[in-house]
Amino acid sequence: LYPSIYLQVGLADNPKAALMVRNRIQEALRVSAL
């Protein structure tokens, strides 16, 4: 699976970037187990 975790400049040095990436990866891990 190849999810995207590209960042926009509005997320530079922003803790919300971790939230965005964390949940995208977690969703990829979830569907990999389906």
Full PDB file with SEQRES, HELIX, SHEET, SSBOND, CRYST1, ORIGX, SCALE, CONECT and MASTER records, all heavy atoms in Angstrom:
SEQRES   1 A   34  LEU TYR PRO SER ILE TYR LEU GLN VAL GLY LEU ALA ASP          
SEQRES   2 A   34  ASN PRO LYS ALA ALA LEU MET VAL ARG ASN ARG ILE GLN          
SEQRES   3 A   34  GLU ALA LEU ARG VAL SER ALA LEU                              
HELIX    1 AA1 VAL A    9  LEU A   11  5                                   3    
HELIX    2 AA2 PRO A   15  SER A   32  1                                  18    
CRYST1    1.000    1.000    1.000  90.00  90.00  90.00 P 1           1          
ORIGX1      1.000000  0.000000  0.000000        0.00000                         
ORIGX2      0.000000  1.000000  0.000000        0.00000                         
ORIGX3      0.000000  0.000000  1.000000        0.00000                         
SCALE1      1.000000  0.000000  0.000000        0.00000                         
SCALE2      0.000000  1.000000  0.000000        0.00000                         
SCALE3      0.000000  0.000000  1.000000        0.00000                         
ATOM      1  N   LEU A   1       0.852  -1.189   0.000  1.00  0.00           N  
ATOM      2  CA  LEU A   1       0.000   0.000   0.000  1.00  0.00           C  
ATOM      3  C   LEU A   1       0.885   1.235   0.000  1.00  0.00           C  
ATOM      4  O   LEU A   1       1.930   1.262   0.661  1.00  0.00           O  
ATOM      5  CB  LEU A   1      -0.923   0.001   1.223  1.00  0.00           C  
ATOM      6  CG  LEU A   1      -1.852  -1.206   1.364  1.00  0.00           C  
ATOM      7  CD1 LEU A   1      -2.699  -1.077   2.627  1.00  0.00           C  
ATOM      8  CD2 LEU A   1      -2.745  -1.377   0.137  1.00  0.00           C  
ATOM      9  N   TYR A   2       0.450   2.279  -0.719  1.00  0.00           N  
ATOM     10  CA  TYR A   2       1.271   3.477  -0.911  1.00  0.00           C  
ATOM     11  C   TYR A   2       0.482   4.758  -0.604  1.00  0.00           C  
ATOM     12  O   TYR A   2       0.177   5.536  -1.509  1.00  0.00           O  
ATOM     13  CB  TYR A   2       1.804   3.515  -2.347  1.00  0.00           C  
ATOM     14  CG  TYR A   2       2.707   2.355  -2.688  1.00  0.00           C  
ATOM     15  CD1 TYR A   2       2.213   1.234  -3.360  1.00  0.00           C  
ATOM     16  CD2 TYR A   2       4.048   2.359  -2.328  1.00  0.00           C  
ATOM     17  CE1 TYR A   2       3.040   0.158  -3.680  1.00  0.00           C  
ATOM     18  CE2 TYR A   2       4.891   1.294  -2.641  1.00  0.00           C  
ATOM     19  CZ  TYR A   2       4.379   0.199  -3.317  1.00  0.00           C  
ATOM     20  OH  TYR A   2       5.203  -0.865  -3.611  1.00  0.00           O  
ATOM     21  N   PRO A   3       0.150   5.002   0.649  1.00  0.00           N  
ATOM     22  CA  PRO A   3      -0.546   6.253   0.996  1.00  0.00           C  
ATOM     23  C   PRO A   3       0.390   7.449   0.865  1.00  0.00           C  
ATOM     24  O   PRO A   3       1.625   7.305   0.928  1.00  0.00           O  
ATOM     25  CB  PRO A   3      -0.944   6.026   2.456  1.00  0.00           C  
ATOM     26  CG  PRO A   3       0.110   5.097   2.986  1.00  0.00           C  
ATOM     27  CD  PRO A   3       0.433   4.173   1.840  1.00  0.00           C  
ATOM     28  N   SER A   4      -0.200   8.624   0.707  1.00  0.00           N  
ATOM     29  CA  SER A   4       0.586   9.855   0.575  1.00  0.00           C  
ATOM     30  C   SER A   4       0.589  10.629   1.885  1.00  0.00           C  
ATOM     31  O   SER A   4      -0.445  10.788   2.526  1.00  0.00           O  
ATOM     32  CB  SER A   4       0.007  10.735  -0.526  1.00  0.00           C  
ATOM     33  OG  SER A   4       0.625  12.019  -0.533  1.00  0.00           O  
ATOM     34  N   ILE A   5       1.777  11.111   2.269  1.00  0.00           N  
ATOM     35  CA  ILE A   5       1.893  11.968   3.448  1.00  0.00           C  
ATOM     36  C   ILE A   5       2.603  13.271   3.081  1.00  0.00           C  
ATOM     37  O   ILE A   5       3.358  13.837   3.869  1.00  0.00           O  
ATOM     38  CB  ILE A   5       2.607  11.247   4.617  1.00  0.00           C  
ATOM     39  CG1 ILE A   5       3.993  10.737   4.194  1.00  0.00           C  
ATOM     40  CG2 ILE A   5       1.762  10.098   5.135  1.00  0.00           C  
ATOM     41  CD1 ILE A   5       4.805  10.191   5.353  1.00  0.00           C  
ATOM     42  N   TYR A   6       2.357  13.751   1.867  1.00  0.00           N  
ATOM     43  CA  TYR A   6       2.899  15.038   1.450  1.00  0.00           C  
ATOM     44  C   TYR A   6       2.398  16.136   2.394  1.00  0.00           C  
ATOM     45  O   TYR A   6       1.263  16.110   2.854  1.00  0.00           O  
ATOM     46  CB  TYR A   6       2.439  15.389   0.033  1.00  0.00           C  
ATOM     47  CG  TYR A   6       2.986  14.514  -1.069  1.00  0.00           C  
ATOM     48  CD1 TYR A   6       2.510  14.655  -2.373  1.00  0.00           C  
ATOM     49  CD2 TYR A   6       3.967  13.565  -0.830  1.00  0.00           C  
ATOM     50  CE1 TYR A   6       3.000  13.877  -3.405  1.00  0.00           C  
ATOM     51  CE2 TYR A   6       4.461  12.772  -1.861  1.00  0.00           C  
ATOM     52  CZ  TYR A   6       3.972  12.933  -3.147  1.00  0.00           C  
ATOM     53  OH  TYR A   6       4.455  12.165  -4.163  1.00  0.00           O  
ATOM     54  N   LEU A   7       3.259  17.118   2.629  1.00  0.00           N  
ATOM     55  CA  LEU A   7       2.891  18.235   3.498  1.00  0.00           C  
ATOM     56  C   LEU A   7       2.703  19.518   2.696  1.00  0.00           C  
ATOM     57  O   LEU A   7       3.475  19.798   1.771  1.00  0.00           O  
ATOM     58  CB  LEU A   7       3.965  18.480   4.557  1.00  0.00           C  
ATOM     59  CG  LEU A   7       4.200  17.407   5.623  1.00  0.00           C  
ATOM     60  CD1 LEU A   7       5.179  17.926   6.668  1.00  0.00           C  
ATOM     61  CD2 LEU A   7       2.898  16.974   6.278  1.00  0.00           C  
ATOM     62  N   GLN A   8       1.706  20.295   3.084  1.00  0.00           N  
ATOM     63  CA  GLN A   8       1.573  21.659   2.596  1.00  0.00           C  
ATOM     64  C   GLN A   8       2.298  22.588   3.557  1.00  0.00           C  
ATOM     65  O   GLN A   8       2.513  22.261   4.731  1.00  0.00           O  
ATOM     66  CB  GLN A   8       0.102  22.046   2.485  1.00  0.00           C  
ATOM     67  CG  GLN A   8      -0.655  21.246   1.434  1.00  0.00           C  
ATOM     68  CD  GLN A   8      -2.089  21.707   1.275  1.00  0.00           C  
ATOM     69  OE1 GLN A   8      -2.469  22.778   1.715  1.00  0.00           O  
ATOM     70  NE2 GLN A   8      -2.910  20.877   0.621  1.00  0.00           N  
ATOM     71  N   VAL A   9       2.680  23.750   3.072  1.00  0.00           N  
ATOM     72  CA  VAL A   9       3.505  24.646   3.866  1.00  0.00           C  
ATOM     73  C   VAL A   9       2.778  25.106   5.133  1.00  0.00           C  
ATOM     74  O   VAL A   9       3.410  25.464   6.134  1.00  0.00           O  
ATOM     75  CB  VAL A   9       3.963  25.848   3.012  1.00  0.00           C  
ATOM     76  CG1 VAL A   9       2.819  26.825   2.771  1.00  0.00           C  
ATOM     77  CG2 VAL A   9       5.166  26.546   3.642  1.00  0.00           C  
ATOM     78  N   GLY A  10       1.450  25.071   5.133  1.00  0.00           N  
ATOM     79  CA  GLY A  10       0.698  25.429   6.324  1.00  0.00           C  
ATOM     80  C   GLY A  10       0.923  24.476   7.486  1.00  0.00           C  
ATOM     81  O   GLY A  10       0.594  24.791   8.633  1.00  0.00           O  
ATOM     82  N   LEU A  11       1.496  23.298   7.189  1.00  0.00           N  
ATOM     83  CA  LEU A  11       1.787  22.308   8.231  1.00  0.00           C  
ATOM     84  C   LEU A  11       3.262  22.300   8.621  1.00  0.00           C  
ATOM     85  O   LEU A  11       3.697  21.424   9.367  1.00  0.00           O  
ATOM     86  CB  LEU A  11       1.369  20.914   7.756  1.00  0.00           C  
ATOM     87  CG  LEU A  11      -0.137  20.663   7.681  1.00  0.00           C  
ATOM     88  CD1 LEU A  11      -0.436  19.324   7.015  1.00  0.00           C  
ATOM     89  CD2 LEU A  11      -0.756  20.714   9.066  1.00  0.00           C  
ATOM     90  N   ALA A  12       4.027  23.265   8.150  1.00  0.00           N  
ATOM     91  CA  ALA A  12       5.453  23.317   8.478  1.00  0.00           C  
ATOM     92  C   ALA A  12       5.648  23.478   9.987  1.00  0.00           C  
ATOM     93  O   ALA A  12       5.063  24.365  10.608  1.00  0.00           O  
ATOM     94  CB  ALA A  12       6.120  24.479   7.745  1.00  0.00           C  
ATOM     95  N   ASP A  13       6.454  22.589  10.572  1.00  0.00           N  
ATOM     96  CA  ASP A  13       6.750  22.628  12.016  1.00  0.00           C  
ATOM     97  C   ASP A  13       5.471  22.753  12.837  1.00  0.00           C  
ATOM     98  O   ASP A  13       5.408  23.477  13.832  1.00  0.00           O  
ATOM     99  CB  ASP A  13       7.715  23.774  12.331  1.00  0.00           C  
ATOM    100  CG  ASP A  13       9.086  23.549  11.711  1.00  0.00           C  
ATOM    101  OD1 ASP A  13       9.654  22.475  11.930  1.00  0.00           O  
ATOM    102  OD2 ASP A  13       9.564  24.442  10.994  1.00  0.00           O  
ATOM    103  N   ASN A  14       4.464  22.043  12.395  1.00  0.00           N  
ATOM    104  CA  ASN A  14       3.144  22.123  13.011  1.00  0.00           C  
ATOM    105  C   ASN A  14       2.777  20.750  13.571  1.00  0.00           C  
ATOM    106  O   ASN A  14       2.800  19.755  12.831  1.00  0.00           O  
ATOM    107  CB  ASN A  14       2.119  22.563  11.958  1.00  0.00           C  
ATOM    108  CG  ASN A  14       0.752  22.859  12.535  1.00  0.00           C  
ATOM    109  OD1 ASN A  14       0.361  22.330  13.568  1.00  0.00           O  
ATOM    110  ND2 ASN A  14       0.002  23.710  11.854  1.00  0.00           N  
ATOM    111  N   PRO A  15       2.425  20.651  14.851  1.00  0.00           N  
ATOM    112  CA  PRO A  15       2.061  19.343  15.412  1.00  0.00           C  
ATOM    113  C   PRO A  15       0.867  18.705  14.730  1.00  0.00           C  
ATOM    114  O   PRO A  15       0.674  17.481  14.818  1.00  0.00           O  
ATOM    115  CB  PRO A  15       1.769  19.660  16.890  1.00  0.00           C  
ATOM    116  CG  PRO A  15       1.540  21.133  16.939  1.00  0.00           C  
ATOM    117  CD  PRO A  15       2.380  21.730  15.866  1.00  0.00           C  
ATOM    118  N   LYS A  16       0.055  19.500  14.027  1.00  0.00           N  
ATOM    119  CA  LYS A  16      -1.089  18.927  13.315  1.00  0.00           C  
ATOM    120  C   LYS A  16      -0.619  18.069  12.136  1.00  0.00           C  
ATOM    121  O   LYS A  16      -1.374  17.203  11.671  1.00  0.00           O  
ATOM    122  CB  LYS A  16      -2.026  20.032  12.846  1.00  0.00           C  
ATOM    123  CG  LYS A  16      -2.764  20.716  13.990  1.00  0.00           C  
ATOM    124  CD  LYS A  16      -3.728  21.761  13.481  1.00  0.00           C  
ATOM    125  CE  LYS A  16      -4.491  22.428  14.640  1.00  0.00           C  
ATOM    126  NZ  LYS A  16      -5.438  23.454  14.171  1.00  0.00           N  
ATOM    127  N   ALA A  17       0.600  18.300  11.664  1.00  0.00           N  
ATOM    128  CA  ALA A  17       1.140  17.455  10.598  1.00  0.00           C  
ATOM    129  C   ALA A  17       1.273  16.023  11.091  1.00  0.00           C  
ATOM    130  O   ALA A  17       0.972  15.066  10.357  1.00  0.00           O  
ATOM    131  CB  ALA A  17       2.494  17.986  10.133  1.00  0.00           C  
ATOM    132  N   ALA A  18       1.716  15.860  12.336  1.00  0.00           N  
ATOM    133  CA  ALA A  18       1.836  14.520  12.911  1.00  0.00           C  
ATOM    134  C   ALA A  18       0.472  13.847  12.995  1.00  0.00           C  
ATOM    135  O   ALA A  18       0.347  12.643  12.725  1.00  0.00           O  
ATOM    136  CB  ALA A  18       2.486  14.594  14.292  1.00  0.00           C  
ATOM    137  N   LEU A  19      -0.571  14.599  13.349  1.00  0.00           N  
ATOM    138  CA  LEU A  19      -1.912  14.033  13.425  1.00  0.00           C  
ATOM    139  C   LEU A  19      -2.405  13.590  12.052  1.00  0.00           C  
ATOM    140  O   LEU A  19      -3.019  12.530  11.901  1.00  0.00           O  
ATOM    141  CB  LEU A  19      -2.880  15.056  14.024  1.00  0.00           C  
ATOM    142  CG  LEU A  19      -2.605  15.517  15.455  1.00  0.00           C  
ATOM    143  CD1 LEU A  19      -3.611  16.589  15.871  1.00  0.00           C  
ATOM    144  CD2 LEU A  19      -2.661  14.340  16.422  1.00  0.00           C  
ATOM    145  N   MET A  20      -2.143  14.422  11.055  1.00  0.00           N  
ATOM    146  CA  MET A  20      -2.559  14.089   9.702  1.00  0.00           C  
ATOM    147  C   MET A  20      -1.863  12.817   9.224  1.00  0.00           C  
ATOM    148  O   MET A  20      -2.500  11.871   8.755  1.00  0.00           O  
ATOM    149  CB  MET A  20      -2.250  15.252   8.754  1.00  0.00           C  
ATOM    150  CG  MET A  20      -2.738  15.034   7.322  1.00  0.00           C  
ATOM    151  SD  MET A  20      -1.518  14.213   6.255  1.00  0.00           S  
ATOM    152  CE  MET A  20      -0.392  15.579   5.946  1.00  0.00           C  
ATOM    153  N   VAL A  21      -0.539  12.777   9.362  1.00  0.00           N  
ATOM    154  CA  VAL A  21       0.234  11.626   8.897  1.00  0.00           C  
ATOM    155  C   VAL A  21      -0.112  10.387   9.709  1.00  0.00           C  
ATOM    156  O   VAL A  21      -0.308   9.293   9.160  1.00  0.00           O  
ATOM    157  CB  VAL A  21       1.742  11.938   8.991  1.00  0.00           C  
ATOM    158  CG1 VAL A  21       2.566  10.679   8.719  1.00  0.00           C  
ATOM    159  CG2 VAL A  21       2.116  13.044   8.016  1.00  0.00           C  
ATOM    160  N   ARG A  22      -0.172  10.539  11.011  1.00  0.00           N  
ATOM    161  CA  ARG A  22      -0.432   9.404  11.912  1.00  0.00           C  
ATOM    162  C   ARG A  22      -1.691   8.655  11.513  1.00  0.00           C  
ATOM    163  O   ARG A  22      -1.715   7.422  11.438  1.00  0.00           O  
ATOM    164  CB  ARG A  22      -0.546   9.925  13.339  1.00  0.00           C  
ATOM    165  CG  ARG A  22      -0.740   8.879  14.410  1.00  0.00           C  
ATOM    166  CD  ARG A  22      -0.791   9.560  15.773  1.00  0.00           C  
ATOM    167  NE  ARG A  22       0.413  10.367  16.008  1.00  0.00           N  
ATOM    168  CZ  ARG A  22       0.514  11.314  16.921  1.00  0.00           C  
ATOM    169  NH1 ARG A  22      -0.520  11.592  17.705  1.00  0.00           N  
ATOM    170  NH2 ARG A  22       1.639  11.994  17.080  1.00  0.00           N  
ATOM    171  N   ASN A  23      -2.753   9.395  11.232  1.00  0.00           N  
ATOM    172  CA  ASN A  23      -4.018   8.743  10.928  1.00  0.00           C  
ATOM    173  C   ASN A  23      -4.074   8.199   9.507  1.00  0.00           C  
ATOM    174  O   ASN A  23      -4.773   7.215   9.250  1.00  0.00           O  
ATOM    175  CB  ASN A  23      -5.168   9.704  11.207  1.00  0.00           C  
ATOM    176  CG  ASN A  23      -5.410   9.876  12.692  1.00  0.00           C  
ATOM    177  OD1 ASN A  23      -6.056   9.053  13.323  1.00  0.00           O  
ATOM    178  ND2 ASN A  23      -4.850  10.941  13.279  1.00  0.00           N  
ATOM    179  N   ARG A  24      -3.334   8.795   8.589  1.00  0.00           N  
ATOM    180  CA  ARG A  24      -3.263   8.220   7.246  1.00  0.00           C  
ATOM    181  C   ARG A  24      -2.521   6.888   7.271  1.00  0.00           C  
ATOM    182  O   ARG A  24      -2.946   5.919   6.623  1.00  0.00           O  
ATOM    183  CB  ARG A  24      -2.581   9.194   6.283  1.00  0.00           C  
ATOM    184  CG  ARG A  24      -3.423  10.406   5.963  1.00  0.00           C  
ATOM    185  CD  ARG A  24      -2.845  11.249   4.852  1.00  0.00           C  
ATOM    186  NE  ARG A  24      -3.692  12.413   4.594  1.00  0.00           N  
ATOM    187  CZ  ARG A  24      -3.490  13.283   3.625  1.00  0.00           C  
ATOM    188  NH1 ARG A  24      -2.449  13.141   2.811  1.00  0.00           N  
ATOM    189  NH2 ARG A  24      -4.314  14.307   3.456  1.00  0.00           N  
ATOM    190  N   ILE A  25      -1.428   6.838   8.000  1.00  0.00           N  
ATOM    191  CA  ILE A  25      -0.678   5.588   8.096  1.00  0.00           C  
ATOM    192  C   ILE A  25      -1.493   4.547   8.856  1.00  0.00           C  
ATOM    193  O   ILE A  25      -1.540   3.369   8.472  1.00  0.00           O  
ATOM    194  CB  ILE A  25       0.673   5.819   8.785  1.00  0.00           C  
ATOM    195  CG1 ILE A  25       1.539   6.787   7.971  1.00  0.00           C  
ATOM    196  CG2 ILE A  25       1.413   4.484   8.972  1.00  0.00           C  
ATOM    197  CD1 ILE A  25       1.875   6.305   6.578  1.00  0.00           C  
ATOM    198  N   GLN A  26      -2.141   4.970   9.931  1.00  0.00           N  
ATOM    199  CA  GLN A  26      -2.946   4.037  10.709  1.00  0.00           C  
ATOM    200  C   GLN A  26      -4.084   3.449   9.878  1.00  0.00           C  
ATOM    201  O   GLN A  26      -4.404   2.260   9.992  1.00  0.00           O  
ATOM    202  CB  GLN A  26      -3.502   4.734  11.955  1.00  0.00           C  
ATOM    203  CG  GLN A  26      -4.205   3.807  12.924  1.00  0.00           C  
ATOM    204  CD  GLN A  26      -3.274   2.817  13.591  1.00  0.00           C  
ATOM    205  OE1 GLN A  26      -2.047   2.965  13.523  1.00  0.00           O  
ATOM    206  NE2 GLN A  26      -3.832   1.816  14.244  1.00  0.00           N  
ATOM    207  N   GLU A  27      -4.685   4.257   9.017  1.00  0.00           N  
ATOM    208  CA  GLU A  27      -5.750   3.755   8.152  1.00  0.00           C  
ATOM    209  C   GLU A  27      -5.192   2.761   7.141  1.00  0.00           C  
ATOM    210  O   GLU A  27      -5.832   1.738   6.837  1.00  0.00           O  
ATOM    211  CB  GLU A  27      -6.453   4.904   7.434  1.00  0.00           C  
ATOM    212  CG  GLU A  27      -7.532   4.495   6.442  1.00  0.00           C  
ATOM    213  CD  GLU A  27      -8.733   3.790   7.069  1.00  0.00           C  
ATOM    214  OE1 GLU A  27      -8.763   3.593   8.305  1.00  0.00           O  
ATOM    215  OE2 GLU A  27      -9.643   3.431   6.295  1.00  0.00           O  
ATOM    216  N   ALA A  28      -3.997   3.032   6.621  1.00  0.00           N  
ATOM    217  CA  ALA A  28      -3.367   2.088   5.697  1.00  0.00           C  
ATOM    218  C   ALA A  28      -3.083   0.765   6.397  1.00  0.00           C  
ATOM    219  O   ALA A  28      -3.295  -0.321   5.825  1.00  0.00           O  
ATOM    220  CB  ALA A  28      -2.076   2.680   5.134  1.00  0.00           C  
ATOM    221  N   LEU A  29      -2.622   0.825   7.634  1.00  0.00           N  
ATOM    222  CA  LEU A  29      -2.367  -0.396   8.391  1.00  0.00           C  
ATOM    223  C   LEU A  29      -3.678  -1.136   8.671  1.00  0.00           C  
ATOM    224  O   LEU A  29      -3.718  -2.378   8.656  1.00  0.00           O  
ATOM    225  CB  LEU A  29      -1.653  -0.063   9.696  1.00  0.00           C  
ATOM    226  CG  LEU A  29      -0.243   0.521   9.545  1.00  0.00           C  
ATOM    227  CD1 LEU A  29       0.259   1.049  10.880  1.00  0.00           C  
ATOM    228  CD2 LEU A  29       0.716  -0.530   8.995  1.00  0.00           C  
ATOM    229  N   ARG A  30      -4.743  -0.382   8.912  1.00  0.00           N  
ATOM    230  CA  ARG A  30      -6.030  -1.012   9.180  1.00  0.00           C  
ATOM    231  C   ARG A  30      -6.526  -1.788   7.957  1.00  0.00           C  
ATOM    232  O   ARG A  30      -6.916  -2.957   8.068  1.00  0.00           O  
ATOM    233  CB  ARG A  30      -7.077   0.042   9.570  1.00  0.00           C  
ATOM    234  CG  ARG A  30      -8.420  -0.550   9.996  1.00  0.00           C  
ATOM    235  CD  ARG A  30      -9.478   0.529  10.184  1.00  0.00           C  
ATOM    236  NE  ARG A  30      -9.956   1.079   8.928  1.00  0.00           N  
ATOM    237  CZ  ARG A  30     -10.916   0.515   8.180  1.00  0.00           C  
ATOM    238  NH1 ARG A  30     -11.478  -0.628   8.555  1.00  0.00           N  
ATOM    239  NH2 ARG A  30     -11.302   1.091   7.041  1.00  0.00           N  
ATOM    240  N   VAL A  31      -6.514  -1.136   6.781  1.00  0.00           N  
ATOM    241  CA  VAL A  31      -7.050  -1.817   5.601  1.00  0.00           C  
ATOM    242  C   VAL A  31      -6.123  -2.946   5.145  1.00  0.00           C  
ATOM    243  O   VAL A  31      -6.577  -3.906   4.508  1.00  0.00           O  
ATOM    244  CB  VAL A  31      -7.325  -0.834   4.441  1.00  0.00           C  
ATOM    245  CG1 VAL A  31      -8.278   0.257   4.875  1.00  0.00           C  
ATOM    246  CG2 VAL A  31      -6.045  -0.254   3.881  1.00  0.00           C  
ATOM    247  N   SER A  32      -4.833  -2.857   5.488  1.00  0.00           N  
ATOM    248  CA  SER A  32      -3.920  -3.944   5.121  1.00  0.00           C  
ATOM    249  C   SER A  32      -4.288  -5.234   5.834  1.00  0.00           C  
ATOM    250  O   SER A  32      -3.930  -6.327   5.382  1.00  0.00           O  
ATOM    251  CB  SER A  32      -2.475  -3.559   5.449  1.00  0.00           C  
ATOM    252  OG  SER A  32      -2.229  -3.607   6.848  1.00  0.00           O  
ATOM    253  N   ALA A  33      -5.003  -5.100   6.945  1.00  0.00           N  
ATOM    254  CA  ALA A  33      -5.410  -6.274   7.716  1.00  0.00           C  
ATOM    255  C   ALA A  33      -6.793  -6.787   7.330  1.00  0.00           C  
ATOM    256  O   ALA A  33      -7.232  -7.820   7.854  1.00  0.00           O  
ATOM    257  CB  ALA A  33      -5.382  -5.946   9.211  1.00  0.00           C  
ATOM    258  N   LEU A  34      -7.500  -6.104   6.426  1.00  0.00           N  
ATOM    259  CA  LEU A  34      -8.847  -6.521   6.054  1.00  0.00           C  
ATOM    260  C   LEU A  34      -8.881  -7.842   5.282  1.00  0.00           C  
ATOM    261  O   LEU A  34      -9.733  -8.691   5.550  1.00  0.00           O  
ATOM    262  CB  LEU A  34      -9.539  -5.422   5.241  1.00  0.00           C  
ATOM    263  CG  LEU A  34      -9.901  -4.140   6.014  1.00  0.00           C  
ATOM    264  CD1 LEU A  34     -10.549  -3.132   5.076  1.00  0.00           C  
ATOM    265  CD2 LEU A  34     -10.843  -4.444   7.181  1.00  0.00           C  
TER     266      LEU A  34                                                      
MASTER        0    0    0    2    0    0    0    6  265    1    0    3          
END                                                                             
